[in-house]
Amino acid sequence: MSHPNSKKQTRIAPASPQPQINPSTGFVQYFQVSIALMRDRAAFIADVGRSNQLPTKLIGLLVSSSIFFLAYGLVIGAIHSPLQAISSAIKLPILYLLALTVCFPTLYIFNSFIGSRQTFLQHCILILASTNIIALLMLGFFPVSLFFLLTANDPAFFKLLNVAIMALTGAIGTLFLHSSILSLEDKKRGRLKRQAFLTAWFLLYGFIGCQLAWHLSPFFGLPDHSFVLFGDSSSGNFLTGILEN
């Protein structure tokens, strides 16, 4: 016999959880990596130190950086002609990524020799993150460059302005790489040697970047030509070219 105060309880099945839509799916996720880096760089670097989603970060940084460089290449080449704009949009990502490809083995091998415990993939993420910082800053200067493109009919000033922008963004990107590498390493283990090596590596990276820019030029076009894919800098180096001119 059931107790008179007892009530029949009906068990209600819990509602099935609704599928959560991830906003960072497809092509958008590549830009989400750049946004995460831009919003909280310290958290991003700590995430790299924990080896969290490194392949996703690698692809995201590579794709987004290339697109940002492409956009900036369009505006600097547009001072000359549409064809030069397309050429510069293609060559600018090649310039930065090829410079990293040439310099990366030196960074990884020597930094590991000093005592770095970061993996090959972690080094890749860090160096691509610094490149992404450069590309993001260039994208921030895009409206400024576009403004002077449309309002100032002065190719010499426009070239000087954008060279200064690229120098500034490159310096900020290398400083970010310097701080991110040091933050992930043991501060008591070869710190002075690592700082000295990084300084030398940044000089090497800058030299190789200038040399590649010399061979890939012109980016702004040549005044006496309708369109030039590559100039007369196929031989020699940029230092002798500057001294001769």
Protein backbone atom coordinates (compact mmCIF):
# COMPACT_ATOMS: atom_id res chain seq x y z
CA MET A 1 0.00 0.00 0.00
CA SER A 2 1.36 3.37 -0.92
CA HIS A 3 1.60 6.12 1.62
CA PRO A 4 -1.29 8.62 1.32
CA ASN A 5 1.06 11.59 1.16
CA SER A 6 3.14 10.11 -1.55
CA LYS A 7 2.86 11.64 -4.97
CA LYS A 8 3.67 10.12 -8.20
CA GLN A 9 6.69 11.85 -9.58
CA THR A 10 7.07 12.07 -13.28
CA ARG A 11 10.64 12.02 -14.43
CA ILE A 12 11.22 14.58 -17.12
CA ALA A 13 14.07 13.81 -19.46
CA PRO A 14 16.55 16.64 -19.63
CA ALA A 15 16.42 18.61 -22.80
CA SER A 16 19.12 17.65 -25.24
CA PRO A 17 21.81 20.32 -25.43
CA GLN A 18 21.55 22.59 -28.40
CA PRO A 19 24.50 22.38 -30.76
CA GLN A 20 26.71 25.38 -30.21
CA ILE A 21 27.74 27.19 -33.32
CA ASN A 22 31.40 28.01 -33.37
CA PRO A 23 31.85 31.43 -34.96
CA SER A 24 35.45 30.57 -35.83
CA THR A 25 34.75 27.98 -38.47
CA GLY A 26 35.85 27.87 -42.05
CA PHE A 27 37.84 30.75 -43.45
CA VAL A 28 36.92 33.06 -40.56
CA GLN A 29 38.99 31.07 -38.07
CA TYR A 30 42.19 32.23 -39.73
CA PHE A 31 41.39 35.85 -38.89
CA GLN A 32 40.33 34.86 -35.37
CA VAL A 33 43.93 33.86 -34.71
CA SER A 34 45.08 37.37 -35.64
CA ILE A 35 42.33 38.91 -33.51
CA ALA A 36 43.39 36.80 -30.51
CA LEU A 37 46.99 37.91 -31.01
CA MET A 38 45.97 41.55 -31.31
CA ARG A 39 43.70 41.55 -28.24
CA ASP A 40 45.98 39.77 -25.77
CA ARG A 41 49.51 39.10 -26.93
CA ALA A 42 50.68 37.82 -23.54
CA ALA A 43 47.90 35.21 -23.42
CA PHE A 44 48.64 34.21 -27.02
CA ILE A 45 52.33 33.63 -26.25
CA ALA A 46 51.44 31.70 -23.09
CA ASP A 47 49.14 29.57 -25.24
CA VAL A 48 52.03 28.84 -27.58
CA GLY A 49 54.14 27.84 -24.58
CA ARG A 50 51.47 25.29 -23.67
CA SER A 51 51.43 24.00 -27.28
CA ASN A 52 47.71 24.72 -27.55
CA GLN A 53 46.30 24.39 -31.10
CA LEU A 54 49.61 25.10 -32.78
CA PRO A 55 48.63 23.85 -36.28
CA THR A 56 45.54 26.09 -36.26
CA LYS A 57 47.64 29.05 -35.17
CA LEU A 58 50.26 28.31 -37.83
CA ILE A 59 47.77 28.25 -40.70
CA GLY A 60 45.79 31.19 -39.34
CA LEU A 61 48.85 33.42 -38.99
CA LEU A 62 50.17 32.44 -42.41
CA VAL A 63 46.89 33.06 -44.25
CA SER A 64 45.90 36.27 -42.46
CA SER A 65 49.40 37.78 -42.77
CA SER A 66 49.46 37.08 -46.50
CA ILE A 67 46.08 38.76 -46.99
CA PHE A 68 47.07 41.82 -44.93
CA PHE A 69 50.32 42.22 -46.87
CA LEU A 70 48.43 41.77 -50.13
CA ALA A 71 46.06 44.60 -49.22
CA TYR A 72 48.92 46.94 -48.35
CA GLY A 73 50.78 45.96 -51.51
CA LEU A 74 47.78 47.06 -53.56
CA VAL A 75 47.83 50.57 -52.17
CA ILE A 76 51.58 51.16 -52.52
CA GLY A 77 51.60 49.92 -56.11
CA ALA A 78 48.53 51.97 -57.00
CA ILE A 79 50.64 55.14 -56.98
CA HIS A 80 51.91 53.98 -60.39
CA SER A 81 49.33 51.87 -62.23
CA PRO A 82 46.76 49.07 -61.73
CA LEU A 83 49.24 46.47 -63.02
CA GLN A 84 51.88 47.69 -60.61
CA ALA A 85 49.33 47.50 -57.79
CA ILE A 86 48.62 43.84 -58.59
CA SER A 87 52.33 43.09 -58.87
CA SER A 88 53.11 44.73 -55.52
CA ALA A 89 50.19 42.93 -53.88
CA ILE A 90 51.73 39.62 -54.90
CA LYS A 91 55.35 40.52 -54.17
CA LEU A 92 54.89 42.06 -50.70
CA PRO A 93 53.73 38.82 -48.98
CA ILE A 94 56.50 36.96 -50.82
CA LEU A 95 59.06 39.46 -49.54
CA TYR A 96 58.23 39.03 -45.85
CA LEU A 97 57.55 35.29 -45.88
CA LEU A 98 60.60 34.49 -47.98
CA ALA A 99 62.81 36.52 -45.64
CA LEU A 100 61.47 34.47 -42.73
CA THR A 101 62.06 31.23 -44.61
CA VAL A 102 65.70 32.14 -45.24
CA CYS A 103 66.36 33.32 -41.66
CA PHE A 104 64.30 30.80 -39.71
CA PRO A 105 66.82 27.88 -39.67
CA THR A 106 69.45 30.19 -38.15
CA LEU A 107 67.03 31.29 -35.44
CA TYR A 108 65.88 27.78 -34.56
CA ILE A 109 69.25 26.02 -34.62
CA PHE A 110 71.26 28.65 -32.76
CA ASN A 111 68.53 29.37 -30.22
CA SER A 112 68.26 25.63 -29.51
CA PHE A 113 72.04 25.40 -29.27
CA ILE A 114 72.00 28.12 -26.61
CA GLY A 115 69.50 26.10 -24.60
CA SER A 116 66.00 26.83 -25.86
CA ARG A 117 63.45 24.15 -25.03
CA GLN A 118 60.85 25.35 -27.48
CA THR A 119 59.95 22.99 -30.30
CA PHE A 120 60.34 23.58 -34.02
CA LEU A 121 56.62 24.32 -34.37
CA GLN A 122 56.65 26.74 -31.44
CA HIS A 123 59.49 28.66 -33.07
CA CYS A 124 57.45 28.77 -36.29
CA ILE A 125 54.45 30.20 -34.46
CA LEU A 126 56.52 32.85 -32.70
CA ILE A 127 58.20 34.08 -35.86
CA LEU A 128 54.92 34.06 -37.79
CA ALA A 129 53.25 35.91 -34.93
CA SER A 130 55.85 38.68 -35.24
CA THR A 131 55.18 38.82 -38.98
CA ASN A 132 51.46 38.98 -38.29
CA ILE A 133 52.06 41.94 -35.95
CA ILE A 134 53.84 43.70 -38.82
CA ALA A 135 51.01 42.89 -41.23
CA LEU A 136 48.34 44.03 -38.75
CA LEU A 137 50.12 47.34 -38.19
CA MET A 138 50.43 47.84 -41.94
CA LEU A 139 46.72 47.20 -42.24
CA GLY A 140 46.19 49.87 -39.60
CA PHE A 141 48.19 52.33 -41.72
CA PHE A 142 46.25 51.34 -44.86
CA PRO A 143 43.75 54.25 -44.60
CA VAL A 144 46.61 56.72 -44.05
CA SER A 145 48.47 55.49 -47.11
CA LEU A 146 45.27 55.47 -49.14
CA PHE A 147 44.47 59.04 -48.05
CA PHE A 148 47.80 60.38 -49.30
CA LEU A 149 47.48 58.29 -52.45
CA LEU A 150 44.21 60.05 -53.28
CA THR A 151 45.06 63.56 -52.10
CA ALA A 152 48.78 64.11 -52.65
CA ASN A 153 50.07 63.82 -56.19
CA ASP A 154 53.65 63.36 -55.04
CA PRO A 155 55.18 59.90 -55.71
CA ALA A 156 58.41 60.76 -53.90
CA PHE A 157 56.61 61.74 -50.70
CA PHE A 158 54.31 58.72 -50.98
CA LYS A 159 57.28 56.37 -51.32
CA LEU A 160 59.09 57.96 -48.38
CA LEU A 161 55.96 57.75 -46.22
CA ASN A 162 55.42 54.06 -46.89
CA VAL A 163 59.08 53.15 -46.47
CA ALA A 164 58.91 54.81 -43.05
CA ILE A 165 55.73 52.86 -42.23
CA MET A 166 57.36 49.58 -43.21
CA ALA A 167 60.46 50.38 -41.16
CA LEU A 168 58.37 51.27 -38.10
CA THR A 169 56.15 48.19 -38.31
CA GLY A 170 59.17 45.96 -38.90
CA ALA A 171 60.88 47.31 -35.79
CA ILE A 172 57.78 46.72 -33.66
CA GLY A 173 57.41 43.19 -35.02
CA THR A 174 61.02 42.26 -34.22
CA LEU A 175 60.71 43.69 -30.71
CA PHE A 176 57.64 41.52 -30.21
CA LEU A 177 59.58 38.45 -31.35
CA HIS A 178 62.43 39.33 -29.00
CA SER A 179 60.16 39.67 -25.96
CA SER A 180 58.08 36.58 -26.80
CA ILE A 181 61.14 34.32 -27.16
CA LEU A 182 62.63 35.54 -23.89
CA SER A 183 59.32 35.19 -22.04
CA LEU A 184 59.08 31.48 -22.89
CA GLU A 185 62.64 30.62 -21.92
CA ASP A 186 64.24 30.06 -18.53
CA LYS A 187 65.41 33.52 -17.49
CA LYS A 188 68.45 32.09 -15.72
CA ARG A 189 69.60 29.90 -18.57
CA GLY A 190 71.77 31.58 -21.20
CA ARG A 191 69.80 34.84 -21.16
CA LEU A 192 72.74 37.09 -22.04
CA LYS A 193 73.86 34.79 -24.83
CA ARG A 194 70.31 34.61 -26.18
CA GLN A 195 69.90 38.39 -26.14
CA ALA A 196 73.19 38.84 -27.98
CA PHE A 197 72.22 36.21 -30.53
CA LEU A 198 68.76 37.71 -31.09
CA THR A 199 70.28 41.14 -31.68
CA ALA A 200 72.63 39.67 -34.29
CA TRP A 201 69.77 37.70 -35.84
CA PHE A 202 67.60 40.79 -36.17
CA LEU A 203 70.41 42.53 -38.04
CA LEU A 204 70.71 39.51 -40.32
CA TYR A 205 66.95 39.46 -40.85
CA GLY A 206 66.92 43.15 -41.73
CA PHE A 207 69.83 42.74 -44.16
CA ILE A 208 68.21 39.79 -45.92
CA GLY A 209 64.87 41.60 -46.04
CA CYS A 210 66.50 44.61 -47.71
CA GLN A 211 68.34 42.35 -50.14
CA LEU A 212 65.15 40.55 -51.10
CA ALA A 213 63.32 43.87 -51.48
CA TRP A 214 66.14 45.00 -53.77
CA HIS A 215 65.70 41.96 -56.00
CA LEU A 216 61.88 42.04 -55.97
CA SER A 217 61.66 45.77 -56.66
CA PRO A 218 60.07 47.91 -57.89
CA PHE A 219 57.08 48.01 -55.56
CA PHE A 220 56.14 51.61 -56.29
CA GLY A 221 56.83 51.40 -60.01
CA LEU A 222 59.31 53.33 -62.15
CA PRO A 223 58.35 56.81 -63.38
CA ASP A 224 59.67 56.31 -66.91
CA HIS A 225 57.99 52.93 -67.49
CA SER A 226 54.36 51.91 -67.83
CA PHE A 227 54.90 48.67 -65.90
CA VAL A 228 57.97 46.83 -64.64
CA LEU A 229 57.81 43.50 -62.86
CA PHE A 230 61.48 43.45 -61.82
CA GLY A 231 63.97 46.27 -62.16
CA ASP A 232 67.70 46.32 -62.85
CA SER A 233 68.57 44.90 -59.44
CA SER A 234 68.92 41.27 -60.51
CA SER A 235 72.61 41.33 -59.55
CA GLY A 236 74.67 42.85 -56.78
CA ASN A 237 73.28 43.91 -53.41
CA PHE A 238 71.24 46.78 -52.12
CA LEU A 239 74.18 48.50 -50.42
CA THR A 240 76.21 48.85 -53.61
CA GLY A 241 73.02 49.85 -55.46
CA ILE A 242 72.35 52.64 -52.98
CA LEU A 243 75.96 53.86 -53.14
CA GLU A 244 75.95 53.83 -56.94
CA ASN A 245 72.71 55.80 -57.09
